[in-house]
Amino acid sequence: MRPVGVYLDREALEILDRVRERLARELGVGERHVSRSMAVKYLYNLSRVKLESSS
């Protein structure tokens, strides 16, 4: 898969950083081991599960 550049504003970056911190704690790893891309995928999967359960 080719990387795609996306512009994120400051608020979006702050949200992703909070998600990275939370995900790192859940996984028991350092925050540097959780990329922003992983945080986006994690949020996507959470939303997908929530949408499927509400259907």
PDB file of N, CA and C in Angstrom:
ATOM      1  N   MET A   1       0.845  -1.173   0.000  1.00  0.00           N
ATOM      2  CA  MET A   1       0.000   0.000   0.000  1.00  0.00           C
ATOM      3  C   MET A   1       0.894   1.241   0.000  1.00  0.00           C
ATOM      4  N   ARG A   2       0.604   2.156  -0.874  1.00  0.00           N
ATOM      5  CA  ARG A   2       1.403   3.381  -0.971  1.00  0.00           C
ATOM      6  C   ARG A   2       0.987   4.379   0.091  1.00  0.00           C
ATOM      7  N   PRO A   3       1.954   5.051   0.708  1.00  0.00           N
ATOM      8  CA  PRO A   3       1.601   6.091   1.682  1.00  0.00           C
ATOM      9  C   PRO A   3       0.931   7.278   0.990  1.00  0.00           C
ATOM     10  N   VAL A   4      -0.009   7.876   1.684  1.00  0.00           N
ATOM     11  CA  VAL A   4      -0.738   9.026   1.154  1.00  0.00           C
ATOM     12  C   VAL A   4      -0.582  10.180   2.137  1.00  0.00           C
ATOM     13  N   GLY A   5      -0.196  11.332   1.637  1.00  0.00           N
ATOM     14  CA  GLY A   5      -0.064  12.498   2.490  1.00  0.00           C
ATOM     15  C   GLY A   5      -1.421  13.146   2.727  1.00  0.00           C
ATOM     16  N   VAL A   6      -1.699  13.455   3.983  1.00  0.00           N
ATOM     17  CA  VAL A   6      -2.967  14.077   4.344  1.00  0.00           C
ATOM     18  C   VAL A   6      -2.679  15.233   5.288  1.00  0.00           C
ATOM     19  N   TYR A   7      -3.303  16.371   5.046  1.00  0.00           N
ATOM     20  CA  TYR A   7      -3.142  17.510   5.944  1.00  0.00           C
ATOM     21  C   TYR A   7      -4.130  17.375   7.100  1.00  0.00           C
ATOM     22  N   LEU A   8      -3.628  17.469   8.323  1.00  0.00           N
ATOM     23  CA  LEU A   8      -4.472  17.444   9.511  1.00  0.00           C
ATOM     24  C   LEU A   8      -4.268  18.734  10.279  1.00  0.00           C
ATOM     25  N   ASP A   9      -5.349  19.335  10.719  1.00  0.00           N
ATOM     26  CA  ASP A   9      -5.201  20.554  11.501  1.00  0.00           C
ATOM     27  C   ASP A   9      -4.747  20.222  12.925  1.00  0.00           C
ATOM     28  N   ARG A  10      -4.481  21.240  13.691  1.00  0.00           N
ATOM     29  CA  ARG A  10      -3.923  21.071  15.026  1.00  0.00           C
ATOM     30  C   ARG A  10      -4.841  20.245  15.931  1.00  0.00           C
ATOM     31  N   GLU A  11      -6.130  20.511  15.854  1.00  0.00           N
ATOM     32  CA  GLU A  11      -7.085  19.783  16.694  1.00  0.00           C
ATOM     33  C   GLU A  11      -7.082  18.288  16.361  1.00  0.00           C
ATOM     34  N   ALA A  12      -7.043  17.957  15.070  1.00  0.00           N
ATOM     35  CA  ALA A  12      -7.005  16.553  14.664  1.00  0.00           C
ATOM     36  C   ALA A  12      -5.729  15.883  15.147  1.00  0.00           C
ATOM     37  N   LEU A  13      -4.609  16.583  15.070  1.00  0.00           N
ATOM     38  CA  LEU A  13      -3.349  16.022  15.549  1.00  0.00           C
ATOM     39  C   LEU A  13      -3.377  15.792  17.054  1.00  0.00           C
ATOM     40  N   GLU A  14      -3.997  16.703  17.801  1.00  0.00           N
ATOM     41  CA  GLU A  14      -4.112  16.536  19.249  1.00  0.00           C
ATOM     42  C   GLU A  14      -4.974  15.319  19.581  1.00  0.00           C
ATOM     43  N   ILE A  15      -6.058  15.134  18.840  1.00  0.00           N
ATOM     44  CA  ILE A  15      -6.918  13.965  19.051  1.00  0.00           C
ATOM     45  C   ILE A  15      -6.137  12.684  18.771  1.00  0.00           C
ATOM     46  N   LEU A  16      -5.423  12.660  17.663  1.00  0.00           N
ATOM     47  CA  LEU A  16      -4.636  11.470  17.329  1.00  0.00           C
ATOM     48  C   LEU A  16      -3.568  11.187  18.374  1.00  0.00           C
ATOM     49  N   ASP A  17      -2.946  12.228  18.905  1.00  0.00           N
ATOM     50  CA  ASP A  17      -1.927  12.021  19.940  1.00  0.00           C
ATOM     51  C   ASP A  17      -2.540  11.442  21.211  1.00  0.00           C
ATOM     52  N   ARG A  18      -3.755  11.891  21.571  1.00  0.00           N
ATOM     53  CA  ARG A  18      -4.431  11.317  22.745  1.00  0.00           C
ATOM     54  C   ARG A  18      -4.792   9.856  22.506  1.00  0.00           C
ATOM     55  N   VAL A  19      -5.237   9.551  21.288  1.00  0.00           N
ATOM     56  CA  VAL A  19      -5.560   8.163  20.955  1.00  0.00           C
ATOM     57  C   VAL A  19      -4.298   7.309  20.983  1.00  0.00           C
ATOM     58  N   ARG A  20      -3.195   7.840  20.483  1.00  0.00           N
ATOM     59  CA  ARG A  20      -1.914   7.109  20.522  1.00  0.00           C
ATOM     60  C   ARG A  20      -1.515   6.795  21.949  1.00  0.00           C
ATOM     61  N   GLU A  21      -1.650   7.770  22.848  1.00  0.00           N
ATOM     62  CA  GLU A  21      -1.305   7.555  24.254  1.00  0.00           C
ATOM     63  C   GLU A  21      -2.162   6.449  24.855  1.00  0.00           C
ATOM     64  N   ARG A  22      -3.470   6.519  24.599  1.00  0.00           N
ATOM     65  CA  ARG A  22      -4.404   5.531  25.149  1.00  0.00           C
ATOM     66  C   ARG A  22      -4.113   4.138  24.594  1.00  0.00           C
ATOM     67  N   LEU A  23      -3.903   4.058  23.283  1.00  0.00           N
ATOM     68  CA  LEU A  23      -3.631   2.782  22.650  1.00  0.00           C
ATOM     69  C   LEU A  23      -2.313   2.186  23.158  1.00  0.00           C
ATOM     70  N   ALA A  24      -1.317   3.011  23.326  1.00  0.00           N
ATOM     71  CA  ALA A  24      -0.029   2.538  23.849  1.00  0.00           C
ATOM     72  C   ALA A  24      -0.206   1.972  25.261  1.00  0.00           C
ATOM     73  N   ARG A  25      -0.994   2.660  26.095  1.00  0.00           N
ATOM     74  CA  ARG A  25      -1.245   2.145  27.454  1.00  0.00           C
ATOM     75  C   ARG A  25      -1.966   0.808  27.394  1.00  0.00           C
ATOM     76  N   GLU A  26      -2.991   0.699  26.525  1.00  0.00           N
ATOM     77  CA  GLU A  26      -3.737  -0.554  26.399  1.00  0.00           C
ATOM     78  C   GLU A  26      -2.844  -1.706  25.941  1.00  0.00           C
ATOM     79  N   LEU A  27      -1.914  -1.403  25.040  1.00  0.00           N
ATOM     80  CA  LEU A  27      -1.031  -2.435  24.506  1.00  0.00           C
ATOM     81  C   LEU A  27       0.187  -2.685  25.389  1.00  0.00           C
ATOM     82  N   GLY A  28       0.436  -1.789  26.338  1.00  0.00           N
ATOM     83  CA  GLY A  28       1.590  -1.934  27.218  1.00  0.00           C
ATOM     84  C   GLY A  28       2.911  -1.663  26.531  1.00  0.00           C
ATOM     85  N   VAL A  29       2.894  -0.743  25.579  1.00  0.00           N
ATOM     86  CA  VAL A  29       4.113  -0.369  24.855  1.00  0.00           C
ATOM     87  C   VAL A  29       4.320   1.136  24.967  1.00  0.00           C
ATOM     88  N   GLY A  30       5.495   1.584  24.560  1.00  0.00           N
ATOM     89  CA  GLY A  30       5.773   3.010  24.549  1.00  0.00           C
ATOM     90  C   GLY A  30       5.019   3.697  23.418  1.00  0.00           C
ATOM     91  N   GLU A  31       4.692   4.960  23.632  1.00  0.00           N
ATOM     92  CA  GLU A  31       3.944   5.720  22.629  1.00  0.00           C
ATOM     93  C   GLU A  31       4.675   5.777  21.291  1.00  0.00           C
ATOM     94  N   ARG A  32       5.991   5.739  21.330  1.00  0.00           N
ATOM     95  CA  ARG A  32       6.751   5.817  20.076  1.00  0.00           C
ATOM     96  C   ARG A  32       6.552   4.582  19.200  1.00  0.00           C
ATOM     97  N   HIS A  33       5.994   3.502  19.789  1.00  0.00           N
ATOM     98  CA  HIS A  33       5.726   2.289  19.024  1.00  0.00           C
ATOM     99  C   HIS A  33       4.346   2.305  18.378  1.00  0.00           C
ATOM    100  N   VAL A  34       3.564   3.341  18.657  1.00  0.00           N
ATOM    101  CA  VAL A  34       2.225   3.463  18.074  1.00  0.00           C
ATOM    102  C   VAL A  34       2.226   4.684  17.152  1.00  0.00           C
ATOM    103  N   SER A  35       2.070   4.434  15.861  1.00  0.00           N
ATOM    104  CA  SER A  35       2.101   5.533  14.896  1.00  0.00           C
ATOM    105  C   SER A  35       0.738   6.209  14.800  1.00  0.00           C
ATOM    106  N   ARG A  36       0.723   7.374  14.204  1.00  0.00           N
ATOM    107  CA  ARG A  36      -0.553   8.059  13.959  1.00  0.00           C
ATOM    108  C   ARG A  36      -1.417   7.228  13.023  1.00  0.00           C
ATOM    109  N   SER A  37      -0.773   6.550  12.096  1.00  0.00           N
ATOM    110  CA  SER A  37      -1.514   5.685  11.183  1.00  0.00           C
ATOM    111  C   SER A  37      -2.230   4.575  11.955  1.00  0.00           C
ATOM    112  N   MET A  38      -1.555   3.993  12.934  1.00  0.00           N
ATOM    113  CA  MET A  38      -2.187   2.970  13.770  1.00  0.00           C
ATOM    114  C   MET A  38      -3.371   3.547  14.533  1.00  0.00           C
ATOM    115  N   ALA A  39      -3.223   4.777  15.007  1.00  0.00           N
ATOM    116  CA  ALA A  39      -4.305   5.425  15.747  1.00  0.00           C
ATOM    117  C   ALA A  39      -5.518   5.643  14.848  1.00  0.00           C
ATOM    118  N   VAL A  40      -5.292   6.034  13.596  1.00  0.00           N
ATOM    119  CA  VAL A  40      -6.393   6.224  12.647  1.00  0.00           C
ATOM    120  C   VAL A  40      -7.084   4.893  12.381  1.00  0.00           C
ATOM    121  N   LYS A  41      -6.302   3.828  12.185  1.00  0.00           N
ATOM    122  CA  LYS A  41      -6.880   2.504  11.935  1.00  0.00           C
ATOM    123  C   LYS A  41      -7.667   2.015  13.147  1.00  0.00           C
ATOM    124  N   TYR A  42      -7.165   2.284  14.336  1.00  0.00           N
ATOM    125  CA  TYR A  42      -7.852   1.909  15.566  1.00  0.00           C
ATOM    126  C   TYR A  42      -9.206   2.625  15.658  1.00  0.00           C
ATOM    127  N   LEU A  43      -9.223   3.922  15.391  1.00  0.00           N
ATOM    128  CA  LEU A  43     -10.479   4.678  15.421  1.00  0.00           C
ATOM    129  C   LEU A  43     -11.448   4.177  14.354  1.00  0.00           C
ATOM    130  N   TYR A  44     -10.928   3.857  13.186  1.00  0.00           N
ATOM    131  CA  TYR A  44     -11.781   3.337  12.110  1.00  0.00           C
ATOM    132  C   TYR A  44     -12.430   2.027  12.538  1.00  0.00           C
ATOM    133  N   ASN A  45     -11.644   1.124  13.110  1.00  0.00           N
ATOM    134  CA  ASN A  45     -12.192  -0.163  13.541  1.00  0.00           C
ATOM    135  C   ASN A  45     -13.213   0.000  14.656  1.00  0.00           C
ATOM    136  N   LEU A  46     -12.971   0.928  15.571  1.00  0.00           N
ATOM    137  CA  LEU A  46     -13.953   1.184  16.633  1.00  0.00           C
ATOM    138  C   LEU A  46     -15.262   1.678  16.041  1.00  0.00           C
ATOM    139  N   SER A  47     -15.182   2.576  15.090  1.00  0.00           N
ATOM    140  CA  SER A  47     -16.403   3.119  14.493  1.00  0.00           C
ATOM    141  C   SER A  47     -17.125   2.055  13.675  1.00  0.00           C
ATOM    142  N   ARG A  48     -16.384   1.211  12.988  1.00  0.00           N
ATOM    143  CA  ARG A  48     -16.989   0.153  12.188  1.00  0.00           C
ATOM    144  C   ARG A  48     -17.746  -0.838  13.080  1.00  0.00           C
ATOM    145  N   VAL A  49     -17.146  -1.216  14.185  1.00  0.00           N
ATOM    146  CA  VAL A  49     -17.795  -2.139  15.119  1.00  0.00           C
ATOM    147  C   VAL A  49     -19.053  -1.499  15.691  1.00  0.00           C
ATOM    148  N   LYS A  50     -18.964  -0.229  16.028  1.00  0.00           N
ATOM    149  CA  LYS A  50     -20.127   0.464  16.585  1.00  0.00           C
ATOM    150  C   LYS A  50     -21.259   0.559  15.561  1.00  0.00           C
ATOM    151  N   LEU A  51     -20.918   0.855  14.307  1.00  0.00           N
ATOM    152  CA  LEU A  51     -21.925   0.941  13.256  1.00  0.00           C
ATOM    153  C   LEU A  51     -22.571  -0.421  12.999  1.00  0.00           C
ATOM    154  N   GLU A  52     -21.779  -1.482  13.000  1.00  0.00           N
ATOM    155  CA  GLU A  52     -22.312  -2.812  12.760  1.00  0.00           C
ATOM    156  C   GLU A  52     -23.225  -3.261  13.895  1.00  0.00           C
ATOM    157  N   SER A  53     -22.895  -2.888  15.113  1.00  0.00           N
ATOM    158  CA  SER A  53     -23.716  -3.302  16.241  1.00  0.00           C
ATOM    159  C   SER A  53     -25.013  -2.521  16.328  1.00  0.00           C
ATOM    160  N   SER A  54     -25.041  -1.322  15.735  1.00  0.00           N
ATOM    161  CA  SER A  54     -26.268  -0.510  15.772  1.00  0.00           C
ATOM    162  C   SER A  54     -27.219  -0.858  14.631  1.00  0.00           C
ATOM    163  N   SER A  55     -26.748  -1.641  13.672  1.00  0.00           N
ATOM    164  CA  SER A  55     -27.598  -2.014  12.523  1.00  0.00           C
ATOM    165  C   SER A  55     -28.575  -3.114  12.873  1.00  0.00           C
TER     166      SER A  55
END
